[in-house]
Amino acid sequence: MPRANRRSEQHVPLAMGRLSGMERREVHPDGAWIVRRVRGAATGKVYRCPGCQQTLSDAIAHVVAWPADGLRGLPDRRHWHGPCWSARDRRH
């Protein structure tokens, strides 16, 4: 007897916000930014978060952001803690 392995015809929309590594454009009072959420990599690199000035290991999930105009490229990328990036509009 054949097996009844049929795929469901229901379409489930893809939650773009949950994808890691996908770039998106965000507009804030200080300009437009390209933002990428990054999963932990554990390659041993350490960054300094511009929001809290604390060290940020690449082993933890974090945010990489750079100006959307992209004129300078790599030197403009900044690695942020997720909560620091979310709260940056509320800081002075």
N, C-alpha and C. Protein backbone atom coordinates (compact mmCIF):
# COMPACT_ATOMS: atom_id res chain seq x y z
N MET A 1 0.84 -1.16 0.00
CA MET A 1 0.00 0.00 0.00
C MET A 1 0.90 1.24 0.00
N PRO A 2 0.65 2.24 -0.90
CA PRO A 2 1.47 3.44 -0.95
C PRO A 2 1.24 4.34 0.27
N ARG A 3 2.29 5.05 0.61
CA ARG A 3 2.20 5.97 1.75
C ARG A 3 1.51 7.26 1.33
N ALA A 4 0.83 7.88 2.22
CA ALA A 4 0.09 9.12 1.94
C ALA A 4 0.87 10.33 2.46
N ASN A 5 2.03 10.56 1.87
CA ASN A 5 2.85 11.71 2.27
C ASN A 5 2.57 12.87 1.32
N ARG A 6 1.55 13.59 1.61
CA ARG A 6 1.21 14.73 0.76
C ARG A 6 1.53 16.02 1.48
N ARG A 7 2.07 16.95 0.73
CA ARG A 7 2.38 18.24 1.32
C ARG A 7 1.11 19.06 1.50
N SER A 8 1.11 19.83 2.54
CA SER A 8 -0.02 20.71 2.82
C SER A 8 -0.08 21.81 1.77
N GLU A 9 -1.24 22.20 1.38
CA GLU A 9 -1.42 23.27 0.41
C GLU A 9 -1.43 24.64 1.08
N GLN A 10 -1.34 24.65 2.42
CA GLN A 10 -1.33 25.92 3.12
C GLN A 10 0.01 26.62 2.94
N HIS A 11 -0.07 27.91 2.69
CA HIS A 11 1.15 28.72 2.55
C HIS A 11 1.36 29.48 3.86
N VAL A 12 2.55 29.32 4.45
CA VAL A 12 2.89 30.04 5.66
C VAL A 12 3.88 31.13 5.28
N PRO A 13 3.54 32.41 5.54
CA PRO A 13 4.47 33.49 5.16
C PRO A 13 5.76 33.42 5.95
N LEU A 14 6.84 33.79 5.30
CA LEU A 14 8.16 33.78 5.92
C LEU A 14 8.30 34.99 6.83
N ALA A 15 8.72 34.77 8.07
CA ALA A 15 8.93 35.86 9.02
C ALA A 15 10.32 36.43 8.79
N MET A 16 10.42 37.49 8.02
CA MET A 16 11.71 38.06 7.66
C MET A 16 12.49 38.57 8.87
N GLY A 17 11.80 39.04 9.89
CA GLY A 17 12.48 39.56 11.06
C GLY A 17 13.21 38.51 11.86
N ARG A 18 12.86 37.25 11.68
CA ARG A 18 13.49 36.18 12.45
C ARG A 18 14.72 35.61 11.77
N LEU A 19 14.96 35.98 10.55
CA LEU A 19 16.12 35.45 9.83
C LEU A 19 17.39 36.14 10.29
N SER A 20 18.40 35.38 10.57
CA SER A 20 19.68 35.95 10.97
C SER A 20 20.54 36.14 9.74
N GLY A 21 21.27 37.21 9.73
CA GLY A 21 22.17 37.47 8.61
C GLY A 21 21.54 38.24 7.47
N MET A 22 20.23 38.48 7.53
CA MET A 22 19.56 39.24 6.48
C MET A 22 19.74 40.73 6.76
N GLU A 23 20.08 41.47 5.73
CA GLU A 23 20.24 42.91 5.87
C GLU A 23 18.91 43.59 5.65
N ARG A 24 18.69 44.67 6.40
CA ARG A 24 17.51 45.48 6.16
C ARG A 24 17.88 46.94 6.37
N ARG A 25 17.10 47.81 5.80
CA ARG A 25 17.34 49.25 5.89
C ARG A 25 16.45 49.81 7.00
N GLU A 26 17.05 50.59 7.90
CA GLU A 26 16.31 51.24 8.98
C GLU A 26 16.58 52.74 8.90
N VAL A 27 15.53 53.52 9.11
CA VAL A 27 15.67 54.97 9.09
C VAL A 27 15.47 55.48 10.51
N HIS A 28 16.42 56.26 10.99
CA HIS A 28 16.41 56.83 12.33
C HIS A 28 16.65 58.33 12.22
N PRO A 29 16.47 59.09 13.31
CA PRO A 29 16.71 60.54 13.24
C PRO A 29 18.11 60.91 12.76
N ASP A 30 19.08 60.04 12.98
CA ASP A 30 20.45 60.36 12.54
C ASP A 30 20.77 59.80 11.16
N GLY A 31 19.77 59.34 10.44
CA GLY A 31 19.99 58.88 9.07
C GLY A 31 19.51 57.46 8.83
N ALA A 32 19.77 56.98 7.62
CA ALA A 32 19.39 55.62 7.23
C ALA A 32 20.57 54.68 7.45
N TRP A 33 20.27 53.49 7.92
CA TRP A 33 21.29 52.50 8.25
C TRP A 33 20.94 51.17 7.61
N ILE A 34 21.96 50.42 7.24
CA ILE A 34 21.80 49.02 6.86
C ILE A 34 22.13 48.21 8.11
N VAL A 35 21.23 47.33 8.50
CA VAL A 35 21.36 46.60 9.76
C VAL A 35 21.31 45.10 9.49
N ARG A 36 22.21 44.39 10.12
CA ARG A 36 22.25 42.93 10.00
C ARG A 36 22.37 42.33 11.40
N ARG A 37 21.49 41.42 11.73
CA ARG A 37 21.58 40.69 13.00
C ARG A 37 22.47 39.48 12.75
N VAL A 38 23.45 39.30 13.63
CA VAL A 38 24.47 38.26 13.45
C VAL A 38 24.41 37.29 14.61
N ARG A 39 24.49 36.01 14.30
CA ARG A 39 24.57 34.99 15.34
C ARG A 39 25.99 34.90 15.85
N GLY A 40 26.16 34.32 17.00
CA GLY A 40 27.50 34.15 17.56
C GLY A 40 28.36 33.26 16.69
N ALA A 41 29.64 33.62 16.53
CA ALA A 41 30.53 32.88 15.65
C ALA A 41 31.69 32.22 16.39
N ALA A 42 32.08 32.75 17.53
CA ALA A 42 33.18 32.20 18.34
C ALA A 42 34.49 32.10 17.57
N THR A 43 34.83 33.14 16.83
CA THR A 43 36.12 33.16 16.14
C THR A 43 37.18 33.88 16.96
N GLY A 44 36.78 34.43 18.11
CA GLY A 44 37.74 35.09 18.99
C GLY A 44 37.85 36.59 18.81
N LYS A 45 37.06 37.17 17.92
CA LYS A 45 37.12 38.62 17.72
C LYS A 45 36.37 39.33 18.83
N VAL A 46 36.86 40.50 19.19
CA VAL A 46 36.22 41.32 20.22
C VAL A 46 36.03 42.72 19.65
N TYR A 47 34.84 43.27 19.84
CA TYR A 47 34.51 44.60 19.36
C TYR A 47 34.13 45.48 20.56
N ARG A 48 34.02 46.77 20.33
CA ARG A 48 33.54 47.69 21.36
C ARG A 48 32.20 48.24 20.90
N CYS A 49 31.16 48.03 21.69
CA CYS A 49 29.82 48.50 21.38
C CYS A 49 29.79 50.03 21.50
N PRO A 50 29.38 50.74 20.45
CA PRO A 50 29.32 52.20 20.54
C PRO A 50 28.22 52.71 21.47
N GLY A 51 27.27 51.86 21.82
CA GLY A 51 26.18 52.28 22.68
C GLY A 51 26.56 52.34 24.14
N CYS A 52 27.24 51.31 24.63
CA CYS A 52 27.58 51.22 26.05
C CYS A 52 29.08 51.27 26.31
N GLN A 53 29.88 51.26 25.25
CA GLN A 53 31.34 51.29 25.35
C GLN A 53 31.93 50.05 26.04
N GLN A 54 31.16 48.97 26.12
CA GLN A 54 31.65 47.73 26.70
C GLN A 54 32.14 46.81 25.58
N THR A 55 32.96 45.84 25.93
CA THR A 55 33.44 44.89 24.91
C THR A 55 32.31 43.96 24.51
N LEU A 56 32.40 43.51 23.28
CA LEU A 56 31.39 42.66 22.67
C LEU A 56 32.10 41.52 21.97
N SER A 57 31.92 40.32 22.46
CA SER A 57 32.52 39.15 21.85
C SER A 57 31.69 38.73 20.65
N ASP A 58 32.35 38.25 19.61
CA ASP A 58 31.59 37.77 18.45
C ASP A 58 30.92 36.43 18.72
N ALA A 59 31.14 35.87 19.90
CA ALA A 59 30.51 34.59 20.25
C ALA A 59 29.04 34.75 20.62
N ILE A 60 28.59 35.98 20.86
CA ILE A 60 27.19 36.20 21.20
C ILE A 60 26.49 36.88 20.04
N ALA A 61 25.18 36.71 19.96
CA ALA A 61 24.40 37.35 18.90
C ALA A 61 24.46 38.86 19.09
N HIS A 62 24.60 39.61 17.99
CA HIS A 62 24.68 41.06 18.07
C HIS A 62 24.21 41.68 16.76
N VAL A 63 24.30 42.99 16.66
CA VAL A 63 23.86 43.73 15.49
C VAL A 63 25.06 44.41 14.84
N VAL A 64 25.13 44.33 13.53
CA VAL A 64 26.15 45.08 12.77
C VAL A 64 25.40 46.11 11.95
N ALA A 65 25.80 47.38 12.07
CA ALA A 65 25.12 48.46 11.36
C ALA A 65 26.14 49.37 10.69
N TRP A 66 25.75 49.93 9.53
CA TRP A 66 26.59 50.89 8.83
C TRP A 66 25.67 51.83 8.06
N PRO A 67 26.16 53.05 7.75
CA PRO A 67 25.33 54.02 7.04
C PRO A 67 24.85 53.47 5.70
N ALA A 68 23.60 53.78 5.37
CA ALA A 68 23.00 53.24 4.15
C ALA A 68 23.63 53.81 2.89
N ASP A 69 24.28 54.98 2.98
CA ASP A 69 24.92 55.52 1.78
C ASP A 69 26.10 54.65 1.35
N GLY A 70 26.72 53.95 2.31
CA GLY A 70 27.76 52.98 2.01
C GLY A 70 28.97 53.53 1.29
N LEU A 71 29.26 54.80 1.46
CA LEU A 71 30.37 55.40 0.73
C LEU A 71 31.72 54.93 1.23
N ARG A 72 31.84 54.68 2.52
CA ARG A 72 33.15 54.30 3.07
C ARG A 72 33.29 52.80 3.31
N GLY A 73 32.18 52.08 3.33
CA GLY A 73 32.23 50.63 3.43
C GLY A 73 32.64 50.07 4.78
N LEU A 74 33.58 49.15 4.77
CA LEU A 74 33.99 48.39 5.95
C LEU A 74 34.36 49.23 7.17
N PRO A 75 35.09 50.32 7.03
CA PRO A 75 35.46 51.10 8.23
C PRO A 75 34.25 51.68 8.97
N ASP A 76 33.12 51.82 8.32
CA ASP A 76 31.93 52.40 8.96
C ASP A 76 31.06 51.37 9.68
N ARG A 77 31.37 50.09 9.56
CA ARG A 77 30.56 49.07 10.24
C ARG A 77 30.81 49.13 11.73
N ARG A 78 29.75 49.04 12.50
CA ARG A 78 29.85 49.03 13.95
C ARG A 78 29.08 47.84 14.50
N HIS A 79 29.65 47.20 15.49
CA HIS A 79 29.04 46.03 16.13
C HIS A 79 28.40 46.49 17.44
N TRP A 80 27.10 46.26 17.58
CA TRP A 80 26.32 46.72 18.72
C TRP A 80 25.72 45.53 19.45
N HIS A 81 25.57 45.66 20.78
CA HIS A 81 24.69 44.73 21.50
C HIS A 81 23.28 44.99 20.98
N GLY A 82 22.45 43.97 20.89
CA GLY A 82 21.08 44.13 20.41
C GLY A 82 20.29 45.18 21.19
N PRO A 83 20.28 45.11 22.54
CA PRO A 83 19.54 46.11 23.32
C PRO A 83 20.12 47.52 23.16
N CYS A 84 21.41 47.65 23.00
CA CYS A 84 22.02 48.97 22.81
C CYS A 84 21.57 49.58 21.48
N TRP A 85 21.51 48.76 20.43
CA TRP A 85 21.04 49.26 19.14
C TRP A 85 19.57 49.68 19.24
N SER A 86 18.76 48.90 19.92
CA SER A 86 17.34 49.23 20.06
C SER A 86 17.11 50.50 20.85
N ALA A 87 17.98 50.78 21.82
CA ALA A 87 17.81 51.94 22.70
C ALA A 87 18.60 53.15 22.24
N ARG A 88 19.29 53.10 21.14
CA ARG A 88 20.20 54.18 20.78
C ARG A 88 19.50 55.50 20.48
N ASP A 89 18.25 55.48 20.05
CA ASP A 89 17.51 56.72 19.81
C ASP A 89 17.13 57.42 21.10
N ARG A 90 17.14 56.69 22.21
CA ARG A 90 16.78 57.28 23.51
C ARG A 90 17.98 57.79 24.28
N ARG A 91 19.18 57.59 23.75
CA ARG A 91 20.39 58.04 24.43
C ARG A 91 20.83 59.39 23.93
N HIS A 92 21.61 60.08 24.75
CA HIS A 92 22.14 61.39 24.35
C HIS A 92 23.63 61.29 24.12
